[in-house]
Amino acid sequence: MKRNINFTLIILMLSWCCISCHGNNKNTYTDNDKNSIQTGDLLFVELPYTYCLNEHSADSILLKQLTGREDINYIHVAILEKDENDSIWVIDATLAKGVDRHPYSQFLEAFTLNDGSYPNMKIMRLKNAENAAKYVENAKQFCGTAYDCSFLIDNDSLYCSELVYR
């Protein structure tokens, strides 16, 4: 239960610190969307509503209690970086790679669902984004860190929202 509370509280804190950059959830982002993406934006991934959590699971109950919403089903958060060539990079923590920086196309491959579709994704921007580039550089320093399967905030490994928090 402590694991669920840590994860949920960090996700909620991140969403309170952000404003929406795009009004609608999308499944992928095209070259046209690259113009609106900025370094330091956060990419929230949620399962399609048809993949909803068991309504009696601890995660689902806790999210409903803390947010008053039943439609939030976030499963991952990543940090976006836009380089000088307008290429989009993703910095995130996953079980497969730990903390890693990789092209957006590899991120999509890793999150392809069994039916070949992608989960819903929402890009959010920090309310005060003036230090976003510094935050991204800080996140890169964690590359190579192991994934935190225990979901504890006080050890030497990181899970996705803990990376963003740090």
C-alpha atoms as a PDB file:
ATOM      1  CA  MET A   1       0.000   0.000   0.000  1.00  0.00           C
ATOM      2  CA  LYS A   2       2.908   2.369   0.758  1.00  0.00           C
ATOM      3  CA  ARG A   3       4.101   1.845  -2.837  1.00  0.00           C
ATOM      4  CA  ASN A   4       0.703   2.865  -4.216  1.00  0.00           C
ATOM      5  CA  ILE A   5       0.545   5.957  -2.039  1.00  0.00           C
ATOM      6  CA  ASN A   6       4.085   7.074  -3.018  1.00  0.00           C
ATOM      7  CA  PHE A   7       3.364   6.683  -6.736  1.00  0.00           C
ATOM      8  CA  THR A   8      -0.047   8.345  -6.583  1.00  0.00           C
ATOM      9  CA  LEU A   9       1.094  11.280  -4.467  1.00  0.00           C
ATOM     10  CA  ILE A  10       4.008  12.006  -6.786  1.00  0.00           C
ATOM     11  CA  ILE A  11       1.752  11.851  -9.873  1.00  0.00           C
ATOM     12  CA  LEU A  12      -0.740  14.212  -8.221  1.00  0.00           C
ATOM     13  CA  MET A  13       2.012  16.622  -7.189  1.00  0.00           C
ATOM     14  CA  LEU A  14       3.343  16.656 -10.751  1.00  0.00           C
ATOM     15  CA  SER A  15      -0.075  17.353 -12.200  1.00  0.00           C
ATOM     16  CA  TRP A  16      -0.608  20.268  -9.797  1.00  0.00           C
ATOM     17  CA  CYS A  17       2.719  21.785 -10.908  1.00  0.00           C
ATOM     18  CA  CYS A  18       1.829  21.595 -14.602  1.00  0.00           C
ATOM     19  CA  ILE A  19      -0.553  23.169 -17.043  1.00  0.00           C
ATOM     20  CA  SER A  20      -1.845  21.418 -20.110  1.00  0.00           C
ATOM     21  CA  CYS A  21       0.121  22.087 -23.267  1.00  0.00           C
ATOM     22  CA  HIS A  22      -2.367  20.257 -25.498  1.00  0.00           C
ATOM     23  CA  GLY A  23      -6.083  20.271 -24.879  1.00  0.00           C
ATOM     24  CA  ASN A  24      -6.760  16.685 -25.890  1.00  0.00           C
ATOM     25  CA  ASN A  25      -5.147  13.379 -25.198  1.00  0.00           C
ATOM     26  CA  LYS A  26      -3.478  11.999 -28.294  1.00  0.00           C
ATOM     27  CA  ASN A  27      -2.017   8.673 -29.177  1.00  0.00           C
ATOM     28  CA  THR A  28       1.105   9.970 -30.930  1.00  0.00           C
ATOM     29  CA  TYR A  29       2.667  13.308 -31.748  1.00  0.00           C
ATOM     30  CA  THR A  30       3.458  14.262 -35.325  1.00  0.00           C
ATOM     31  CA  ASP A  31       5.988  16.631 -36.862  1.00  0.00           C
ATOM     32  CA  ASN A  32       3.367  19.389 -36.657  1.00  0.00           C
ATOM     33  CA  ASP A  33       3.169  18.904 -32.898  1.00  0.00           C
ATOM     34  CA  LYS A  34       6.948  19.286 -32.524  1.00  0.00           C
ATOM     35  CA  ASN A  35       6.568  23.059 -32.792  1.00  0.00           C
ATOM     36  CA  SER A  36       4.572  23.144 -29.571  1.00  0.00           C
ATOM     37  CA  ILE A  37       6.791  20.747 -27.589  1.00  0.00           C
ATOM     38  CA  GLN A  38       9.436  22.366 -25.407  1.00  0.00           C
ATOM     39  CA  THR A  39      12.356  20.947 -23.461  1.00  0.00           C
ATOM     40  CA  GLY A  40      11.148  20.032 -20.003  1.00  0.00           C
ATOM     41  CA  ASP A  41       7.582  19.200 -20.983  1.00  0.00           C
ATOM     42  CA  LEU A  42       6.212  16.112 -19.263  1.00  0.00           C
ATOM     43  CA  LEU A  43       4.599  13.279 -21.185  1.00  0.00           C
ATOM     44  CA  PHE A  44       1.890  11.498 -19.189  1.00  0.00           C
ATOM     45  CA  VAL A  45       0.832   8.101 -20.505  1.00  0.00           C
ATOM     46  CA  GLU A  46      -2.496   6.571 -19.631  1.00  0.00           C
ATOM     47  CA  LEU A  47      -4.109   3.359 -20.700  1.00  0.00           C
ATOM     48  CA  PRO A  48      -7.126   3.684 -22.971  1.00  0.00           C
ATOM     49  CA  TYR A  49     -10.368   3.652 -21.039  1.00  0.00           C
ATOM     50  CA  THR A  50     -11.075   0.193 -22.460  1.00  0.00           C
ATOM     51  CA  TYR A  51      -7.994  -0.981 -20.513  1.00  0.00           C
ATOM     52  CA  CYS A  52      -9.234   0.497 -17.242  1.00  0.00           C
ATOM     53  CA  LEU A  53      -7.963  -0.679 -13.912  1.00  0.00           C
ATOM     54  CA  ASN A  54      -9.986  -3.085 -11.841  1.00  0.00           C
ATOM     55  CA  GLU A  55     -12.314  -0.699  -9.992  1.00  0.00           C
ATOM     56  CA  HIS A  56     -11.498  -2.479  -6.730  1.00  0.00           C
ATOM     57  CA  SER A  57      -7.688  -2.293  -7.068  1.00  0.00           C
ATOM     58  CA  ALA A  58      -5.781  -0.237  -4.502  1.00  0.00           C
ATOM     59  CA  ASP A  59      -4.453   2.103  -7.226  1.00  0.00           C
ATOM     60  CA  SER A  60      -7.901   2.740  -8.641  1.00  0.00           C
ATOM     61  CA  ILE A  61      -9.533   3.345  -5.258  1.00  0.00           C
ATOM     62  CA  LEU A  62      -6.729   5.676  -4.133  1.00  0.00           C
ATOM     63  CA  LEU A  63      -6.833   7.727  -7.341  1.00  0.00           C
ATOM     64  CA  LYS A  64     -10.604   8.143  -7.038  1.00  0.00           C
ATOM     65  CA  GLN A  65     -10.312   9.218  -3.397  1.00  0.00           C
ATOM     66  CA  LEU A  66      -7.489  11.703  -3.951  1.00  0.00           C
ATOM     67  CA  THR A  67      -8.731  13.257  -7.183  1.00  0.00           C
ATOM     68  CA  GLY A  68     -12.461  12.760  -7.098  1.00  0.00           C
ATOM     69  CA  ARG A  69     -12.120  11.533 -10.707  1.00  0.00           C
ATOM     70  CA  GLU A  70     -12.654   8.094 -12.164  1.00  0.00           C
ATOM     71  CA  ASP A  71     -11.149   8.770 -15.593  1.00  0.00           C
ATOM     72  CA  ILE A  72      -7.476   9.082 -14.604  1.00  0.00           C
ATOM     73  CA  ASN A  73      -5.476   5.972 -15.386  1.00  0.00           C
ATOM     74  CA  TYR A  74      -1.891   7.233 -15.594  1.00  0.00           C
ATOM     75  CA  ILE A  75       0.678   4.472 -15.938  1.00  0.00           C
ATOM     76  CA  HIS A  76       3.847   6.425 -16.791  1.00  0.00           C
ATOM     77  CA  VAL A  77       5.417   9.867 -16.929  1.00  0.00           C
ATOM     78  CA  ALA A  78       8.477  10.890 -18.944  1.00  0.00           C
ATOM     79  CA  ILE A  79      10.491  14.055 -19.546  1.00  0.00           C
ATOM     80  CA  LEU A  80      10.736  15.461 -23.069  1.00  0.00           C
ATOM     81  CA  GLU A  81      13.776  17.142 -24.561  1.00  0.00           C
ATOM     82  CA  LYS A  82      13.850  18.966 -27.881  1.00  0.00           C
ATOM     83  CA  ASP A  83      17.343  19.305 -29.359  1.00  0.00           C
ATOM     84  CA  GLU A  84      18.760  21.887 -31.771  1.00  0.00           C
ATOM     85  CA  ASN A  85      17.600  19.763 -34.742  1.00  0.00           C
ATOM     86  CA  ASP A  86      14.018  19.688 -33.386  1.00  0.00           C
ATOM     87  CA  SER A  87      14.381  15.966 -32.606  1.00  0.00           C
ATOM     88  CA  ILE A  88      12.359  14.836 -29.597  1.00  0.00           C
ATOM     89  CA  TRP A  89      14.070  12.761 -26.903  1.00  0.00           C
ATOM     90  CA  VAL A  90      12.524  11.028 -23.916  1.00  0.00           C
ATOM     91  CA  ILE A  91      14.128  10.644 -20.497  1.00  0.00           C
ATOM     92  CA  ASP A  92      12.311   8.157 -18.321  1.00  0.00           C
ATOM     93  CA  ALA A  93      12.637   5.242 -15.929  1.00  0.00           C
ATOM     94  CA  THR A  94      11.357   1.839 -17.044  1.00  0.00           C
ATOM     95  CA  LEU A  95      11.775  -1.710 -15.853  1.00  0.00           C
ATOM     96  CA  ALA A  96      13.474  -2.667 -19.130  1.00  0.00           C
ATOM     97  CA  LYS A  97      16.116   0.086 -19.209  1.00  0.00           C
ATOM     98  CA  GLY A  98      16.176   1.819 -15.834  1.00  0.00           C
ATOM     99  CA  VAL A  99      16.711   5.543 -16.332  1.00  0.00           C
ATOM    100  CA  ASP A 100      17.487   6.161 -19.989  1.00  0.00           C
ATOM    101  CA  ARG A 101      17.424   8.853 -22.683  1.00  0.00           C
ATOM    102  CA  HIS A 102      16.169   7.689 -26.082  1.00  0.00           C
ATOM    103  CA  PRO A 103      14.414   8.989 -29.224  1.00  0.00           C
ATOM    104  CA  TYR A 104      10.653   9.439 -29.112  1.00  0.00           C
ATOM    105  CA  SER A 105      10.277   6.705 -31.756  1.00  0.00           C
ATOM    106  CA  GLN A 106      11.843   4.144 -29.380  1.00  0.00           C
ATOM    107  CA  PHE A 107       9.526   5.328 -26.635  1.00  0.00           C
ATOM    108  CA  LEU A 108       6.545   4.620 -28.907  1.00  0.00           C
ATOM    109  CA  GLU A 109       7.856   1.147 -29.708  1.00  0.00           C
ATOM    110  CA  ALA A 110       8.144   0.333 -26.013  1.00  0.00           C
ATOM    111  CA  PHE A 111       4.586   1.512 -25.308  1.00  0.00           C
ATOM    112  CA  THR A 112       2.854  -0.163 -28.256  1.00  0.00           C
ATOM    113  CA  LEU A 113      -0.174  -2.069 -26.976  1.00  0.00           C
ATOM    114  CA  ASN A 114      -0.962  -5.668 -27.933  1.00  0.00           C
ATOM    115  CA  ASP A 115      -3.402  -4.539 -30.632  1.00  0.00           C
ATOM    116  CA  GLY A 116      -0.741  -2.303 -32.260  1.00  0.00           C
ATOM    117  CA  SER A 117      -2.226   0.950 -30.966  1.00  0.00           C
ATOM    118  CA  TYR A 118      -0.682   3.378 -28.500  1.00  0.00           C
ATOM    119  CA  PRO A 119      -1.937   4.463 -25.104  1.00  0.00           C
ATOM    120  CA  ASN A 120      -3.340   7.968 -24.656  1.00  0.00           C
ATOM    121  CA  MET A 121      -0.636  10.554 -24.056  1.00  0.00           C
ATOM    122  CA  LYS A 122      -0.868  14.060 -22.693  1.00  0.00           C
ATOM    123  CA  ILE A 123       1.902  16.628 -22.738  1.00  0.00           C
ATOM    124  CA  MET A 124       1.984  19.050 -19.851  1.00  0.00           C
ATOM    125  CA  ARG A 125       4.232  22.030 -19.239  1.00  0.00           C
ATOM    126  CA  LEU A 126       5.537  23.356 -15.944  1.00  0.00           C
ATOM    127  CA  LYS A 127       3.731  26.520 -14.847  1.00  0.00           C
ATOM    128  CA  ASN A 128       7.137  28.182 -14.497  1.00  0.00           C
ATOM    129  CA  ALA A 129       9.258  26.673 -17.280  1.00  0.00           C
ATOM    130  CA  GLU A 130      12.207  29.077 -17.158  1.00  0.00           C
ATOM    131  CA  ASN A 131      14.429  26.451 -15.488  1.00  0.00           C
ATOM    132  CA  ALA A 132      13.146  23.524 -17.587  1.00  0.00           C
ATOM    133  CA  ALA A 133      16.466  23.061 -19.442  1.00  0.00           C
ATOM    134  CA  LYS A 134      18.308  22.819 -16.103  1.00  0.00           C
ATOM    135  CA  TYR A 135      15.807  20.233 -14.886  1.00  0.00           C
ATOM    136  CA  VAL A 136      16.376  18.162 -18.040  1.00  0.00           C
ATOM    137  CA  GLU A 137      20.155  18.313 -17.609  1.00  0.00           C
ATOM    138  CA  ASN A 138      19.682  17.185 -14.007  1.00  0.00           C
ATOM    139  CA  ALA A 139      17.499  14.274 -15.129  1.00  0.00           C
ATOM    140  CA  LYS A 140      20.174  13.156 -17.607  1.00  0.00           C
ATOM    141  CA  GLN A 141      22.590  12.719 -14.702  1.00  0.00           C
ATOM    142  CA  PHE A 142      20.415   9.835 -13.490  1.00  0.00           C
ATOM    143  CA  CYS A 143      20.820   7.881 -16.759  1.00  0.00           C
ATOM    144  CA  GLY A 144      22.080   4.408 -15.934  1.00  0.00           C
ATOM    145  CA  THR A 145      20.301   4.327 -12.565  1.00  0.00           C
ATOM    146  CA  ALA A 146      18.360   1.119 -11.929  1.00  0.00           C
ATOM    147  CA  TYR A 147      14.560   1.023 -11.967  1.00  0.00           C
ATOM    148  CA  ASP A 148      12.977   1.033  -8.518  1.00  0.00           C
ATOM    149  CA  CYS A 149      10.791  -2.077  -8.364  1.00  0.00           C
ATOM    150  CA  SER A 150      10.081  -1.360  -4.681  1.00  0.00           C
ATOM    151  CA  PHE A 151       8.660   2.115  -5.423  1.00  0.00           C
ATOM    152  CA  LEU A 152      10.479   3.578  -2.446  1.00  0.00           C
ATOM    153  CA  ILE A 153      11.533   7.202  -2.552  1.00  0.00           C
ATOM    154  CA  ASP A 154      14.536   6.786  -0.249  1.00  0.00           C
ATOM    155  CA  ASN A 155      16.844   4.373  -2.090  1.00  0.00           C
ATOM    156  CA  ASP A 156      19.375   4.464  -4.950  1.00  0.00           C
ATOM    157  CA  SER A 157      16.950   3.438  -7.711  1.00  0.00           C
ATOM    158  CA  LEU A 158      14.178   5.441  -9.402  1.00  0.00           C
ATOM    159  CA  TYR A 159      10.698   4.868 -10.813  1.00  0.00           C
ATOM    160  CA  CYS A 160       9.225   7.153 -13.473  1.00  0.00           C
ATOM    161  CA  SER A 161       7.485   9.793 -11.376  1.00  0.00           C
ATOM    162  CA  GLU A 162      10.299   9.766  -8.823  1.00  0.00           C
ATOM    163  CA  LEU A 163      12.734  10.672 -11.629  1.00  0.00           C
ATOM    164  CA  VAL A 164      10.547  13.625 -12.589  1.00  0.00           C
ATOM    165  CA  TYR A 165      10.211  14.642  -8.940  1.00  0.00           C
ATOM    166  CA  ARG A 166      13.972  14.639  -8.413  1.00  0.00           C
END
